[in-house]
Amino acid sequence: MDTGGWTTAKLLRTKETWLCILSTGLLMLVQMGIMTQLVGRNMEVGMELGMATGVMSAIAVIGIIGSVIFGRIVVSLGVKKAGVLTCVLYIAALLLNVSGVMPLVWVSLVIIGFLGAAAPNLMNSIPGSVFGRVGYAKVNSVVFPLTNIIFMLNFAVNGLIKKLFNSLSVAYIVFAVLALISLFLILAIQDHKYDQDYMAAHKQ
């Protein structure tokens, strides 16, 4: 397959590669950190076990609807703006949840459900928006494993915070900060910088 002139070493020396890895990796860490402990967090805010687990099912349904809507948002706004919007919504949802006020907690859960497909979508579309179609397989072979390493740290983050503070609300504050960092990283990304098809089309 056409590598687009990219090698692993060249990609690791390229700033945009790391912007893609860190921005999407942190967003996925936030999402996975929320979802893997959501039942526990729901019980912390006062839900019974049956309700807490039922909310997970409801969020899955909201996520299906959200994935369709988010796809339209990406097409309408572009990948970069959609990424910024995702970060803002995660920050808002996390802060609403940490408030512990049940009406706000319910709003946060709807937002979290809506964003279910957002981070996974961006994990693929942000590198694609920077590097384009040509050589994407090579780019993905570098970006994807490193992104996965970052977001799998969610278990360590949740575990450490739970051990230190015995509360997942502190983890949500940490996730809000990580979402904010991801937002700034996405803003630093230059769309189409290495997209050969895009550059060829705009030379004409």
Protein backbone atom coordinates (compact mmCIF):
# COMPACT_ATOMS: atom_id res chain seq x y z
CA MET A 1 0.00 0.00 0.00
CA ASP A 2 1.10 3.57 -0.70
CA THR A 3 2.79 4.93 2.45
CA GLY A 4 2.67 8.50 1.20
CA GLY A 5 6.39 8.72 1.87
CA TRP A 6 5.89 8.18 5.60
CA THR A 7 8.04 5.93 7.73
CA THR A 8 7.59 5.16 11.41
CA ALA A 9 10.65 7.23 12.33
CA LYS A 10 9.49 10.19 10.24
CA LEU A 11 6.02 10.10 11.76
CA LEU A 12 7.45 10.00 15.30
CA ARG A 13 9.49 13.11 14.49
CA THR A 14 6.43 14.98 13.19
CA LYS A 15 4.61 17.33 15.56
CA GLU A 16 1.19 16.68 14.04
CA THR A 17 1.52 12.96 14.72
CA TRP A 18 1.84 13.67 18.44
CA LEU A 19 -0.95 16.23 18.37
CA CYS A 20 -3.22 13.55 16.89
CA ILE A 21 -2.06 10.91 19.37
CA LEU A 22 -2.34 13.05 22.49
CA SER A 23 -5.58 14.86 21.62
CA THR A 24 -7.52 11.73 20.69
CA GLY A 25 -5.80 9.56 23.30
CA LEU A 26 -6.81 11.92 26.11
CA LEU A 27 -10.37 12.18 24.80
CA MET A 28 -10.64 8.39 24.68
CA LEU A 29 -9.14 8.19 28.18
CA VAL A 30 -11.87 10.54 29.38
CA GLN A 31 -14.61 8.53 27.71
CA MET A 32 -13.31 5.15 28.87
CA GLY A 33 -12.65 6.51 32.36
CA ILE A 34 -16.26 7.61 32.62
CA MET A 35 -17.84 4.50 31.13
CA THR A 36 -15.82 1.86 32.97
CA GLN A 37 -16.81 3.33 36.35
CA LEU A 38 -20.21 4.82 35.51
CA VAL A 39 -22.24 2.37 37.58
CA GLY A 40 -20.06 3.08 40.59
CA ARG A 41 -20.34 6.83 40.05
CA ASN A 42 -24.12 6.61 39.66
CA MET A 43 -24.32 4.83 42.99
CA GLU A 44 -22.09 7.51 44.56
CA VAL A 45 -24.66 10.16 43.65
CA GLY A 46 -27.45 8.13 45.26
CA MET A 47 -28.83 5.71 42.67
CA GLU A 48 -29.75 2.15 43.61
CA LEU A 49 -27.82 -0.60 41.82
CA GLY A 50 -30.73 -1.44 39.50
CA MET A 51 -31.12 2.19 38.45
CA ALA A 52 -27.37 2.68 38.11
CA THR A 53 -27.05 -0.28 35.74
CA GLY A 54 -30.25 0.64 33.89
CA VAL A 55 -28.77 4.04 33.13
CA MET A 56 -25.93 2.26 31.30
CA SER A 57 -28.47 0.67 28.95
CA ALA A 58 -30.21 4.00 28.40
CA ILE A 59 -26.88 5.65 27.62
CA ALA A 60 -26.20 2.95 25.01
CA VAL A 61 -29.48 3.83 23.26
CA ILE A 62 -28.70 7.56 23.43
CA GLY A 63 -25.28 6.73 21.99
CA ILE A 64 -26.83 5.15 18.89
CA ILE A 65 -28.84 8.30 18.24
CA GLY A 66 -25.85 10.47 19.12
CA SER A 67 -23.61 8.67 16.63
CA VAL A 68 -25.91 9.63 13.76
CA ILE A 69 -26.15 13.25 14.95
CA PHE A 70 -22.42 13.48 15.58
CA GLY A 71 -21.70 12.21 12.07
CA ARG A 72 -23.77 15.08 10.70
CA ILE A 73 -21.94 17.52 12.98
CA VAL A 74 -18.57 16.36 11.61
CA VAL A 75 -19.79 16.86 8.04
CA SER A 76 -21.29 20.28 8.84
CA LEU A 77 -18.56 21.76 11.04
CA GLY A 78 -15.49 19.82 9.97
CA VAL A 79 -13.36 17.51 12.07
CA LYS A 80 -11.48 20.16 14.04
CA LYS A 81 -14.57 22.10 15.14
CA ALA A 82 -16.35 18.84 15.96
CA GLY A 83 -13.37 17.88 18.14
CA VAL A 84 -13.48 21.20 19.99
CA LEU A 85 -17.23 20.82 20.52
CA THR A 86 -16.71 17.30 21.88
CA CYS A 87 -14.16 18.56 24.42
CA VAL A 88 -16.44 21.39 25.53
CA LEU A 89 -19.39 19.03 25.98
CA TYR A 90 -17.29 16.56 27.97
CA ILE A 91 -16.06 19.34 30.26
CA ALA A 92 -19.63 20.57 30.78
CA ALA A 93 -20.96 17.05 31.44
CA LEU A 94 -18.22 16.24 33.94
CA LEU A 95 -18.67 19.47 35.89
CA LEU A 96 -22.45 19.03 35.95
CA ASN A 97 -21.99 15.50 37.25
CA VAL A 98 -19.52 16.54 39.95
CA SER A 99 -22.05 19.07 41.25
CA GLY A 100 -24.03 16.14 42.67
CA VAL A 101 -27.31 17.99 42.02
CA MET A 102 -29.52 15.26 40.56
CA PRO A 103 -31.22 17.27 37.76
CA LEU A 104 -27.74 18.35 36.61
CA VAL A 105 -26.43 14.78 36.98
CA TRP A 106 -29.21 13.56 34.67
CA VAL A 107 -28.31 16.23 32.11
CA SER A 108 -24.67 15.14 32.33
CA LEU A 109 -25.63 11.52 31.68
CA VAL A 110 -27.59 12.47 28.56
CA ILE A 111 -24.56 14.41 27.26
CA ILE A 112 -22.24 11.50 28.08
CA GLY A 113 -24.56 9.16 26.20
CA PHE A 114 -24.73 11.51 23.21
CA LEU A 115 -20.91 11.61 23.07
CA GLY A 116 -20.58 7.83 23.04
CA ALA A 117 -19.44 7.72 19.42
CA ALA A 118 -17.63 11.06 19.38
CA ALA A 119 -14.19 10.12 20.75
CA PRO A 120 -13.88 6.87 18.72
CA ASN A 121 -14.91 8.79 15.60
CA LEU A 122 -12.31 11.48 16.25
CA MET A 123 -9.61 8.88 16.93
CA ASN A 124 -9.86 7.99 13.24
CA SER A 125 -10.99 11.25 11.65
CA ILE A 126 -8.48 13.65 13.25
CA PRO A 127 -5.41 11.82 11.83
CA GLY A 128 -7.31 11.51 8.56
CA SER A 129 -7.98 15.25 8.47
CA VAL A 130 -4.28 16.00 8.94
CA PHE A 131 -2.62 13.33 6.79
CA GLY A 132 -5.37 12.53 4.30
CA ARG A 133 -6.10 9.33 2.43
CA VAL A 134 -2.67 8.71 0.94
CA GLY A 135 -0.48 6.88 3.44
CA TYR A 136 -3.26 6.70 6.03
CA ALA A 137 -2.64 3.02 6.73
CA LYS A 138 0.96 3.81 7.65
CA VAL A 139 -0.06 6.81 9.75
CA ASN A 140 -2.67 4.74 11.56
CA SER A 141 -0.16 1.97 12.25
CA VAL A 142 1.79 4.49 14.36
CA VAL A 143 -1.01 6.65 15.79
CA PHE A 144 -3.47 3.91 16.78
CA PRO A 145 -1.23 1.83 19.12
CA LEU A 146 0.06 4.92 20.94
CA THR A 147 -3.44 6.33 21.27
CA ASN A 148 -4.54 3.01 22.78
CA ILE A 149 -1.72 3.08 25.33
CA ILE A 150 -2.88 6.51 26.49
CA PHE A 151 -6.56 5.73 26.82
CA MET A 152 -5.95 2.39 28.57
CA LEU A 153 -4.39 4.42 31.39
CA ASN A 154 -7.96 5.25 32.44
CA PHE A 155 -7.93 2.18 34.69
CA ALA A 156 -4.81 3.40 36.46
CA VAL A 157 -6.22 6.92 36.83
CA ASN A 158 -9.53 5.69 38.24
CA GLY A 159 -7.83 3.17 40.52
CA LEU A 160 -5.30 5.63 41.90
CA ILE A 161 -7.86 8.35 42.57
CA LYS A 162 -10.30 5.87 44.12
CA LYS A 163 -7.53 4.66 46.42
CA LEU A 164 -6.40 8.15 47.42
CA PHE A 165 -9.78 9.88 47.75
CA ASN A 166 -12.32 7.01 47.84
CA SER A 167 -14.47 9.03 45.43
CA LEU A 168 -14.88 9.06 41.68
CA SER A 169 -15.90 12.73 41.67
CA VAL A 170 -12.19 13.65 41.90
CA ALA A 171 -11.56 11.46 38.85
CA TYR A 172 -14.25 13.41 36.98
CA ILE A 173 -12.47 16.67 37.79
CA VAL A 174 -9.22 15.17 36.48
CA PHE A 175 -11.03 14.03 33.32
CA ALA A 176 -12.42 17.55 32.82
CA VAL A 177 -8.87 18.92 32.97
CA LEU A 178 -7.70 16.28 30.47
CA ALA A 179 -10.57 17.19 28.14
CA LEU A 180 -9.47 20.83 28.37
CA ILE A 181 -5.90 19.84 27.47
CA SER A 182 -7.26 17.83 24.53
CA LEU A 183 -9.20 20.90 23.39
CA PHE A 184 -6.02 23.00 23.22
CA LEU A 185 -4.19 20.21 21.39
CA ILE A 186 -6.95 19.99 18.80
CA LEU A 187 -6.83 23.76 18.32
CA ALA A 188 -3.10 23.42 17.59
CA ILE A 189 -3.73 20.90 14.80
CA GLN A 190 -3.48 22.17 11.22
CA ASP A 191 -6.15 20.53 9.07
CA HIS A 192 -4.98 19.01 5.77
CA LYS A 193 -1.33 19.85 6.47
CA TYR A 194 -0.10 16.63 4.83
CA ASP A 195 -3.23 15.74 2.85
CA GLN A 196 -1.89 15.22 -0.68
CA ASP A 197 -5.36 15.06 -2.27
CA TYR A 198 -6.39 18.31 -0.58
CA MET A 199 -3.20 20.10 -1.59
CA ALA A 200 -3.49 18.90 -5.19
CA ALA A 201 -7.10 20.06 -5.40
CA HIS A 202 -6.29 23.50 -4.04
CA LYS A 203 -3.35 24.07 -6.37
CA GLN A 204 -5.75 24.22 -9.30
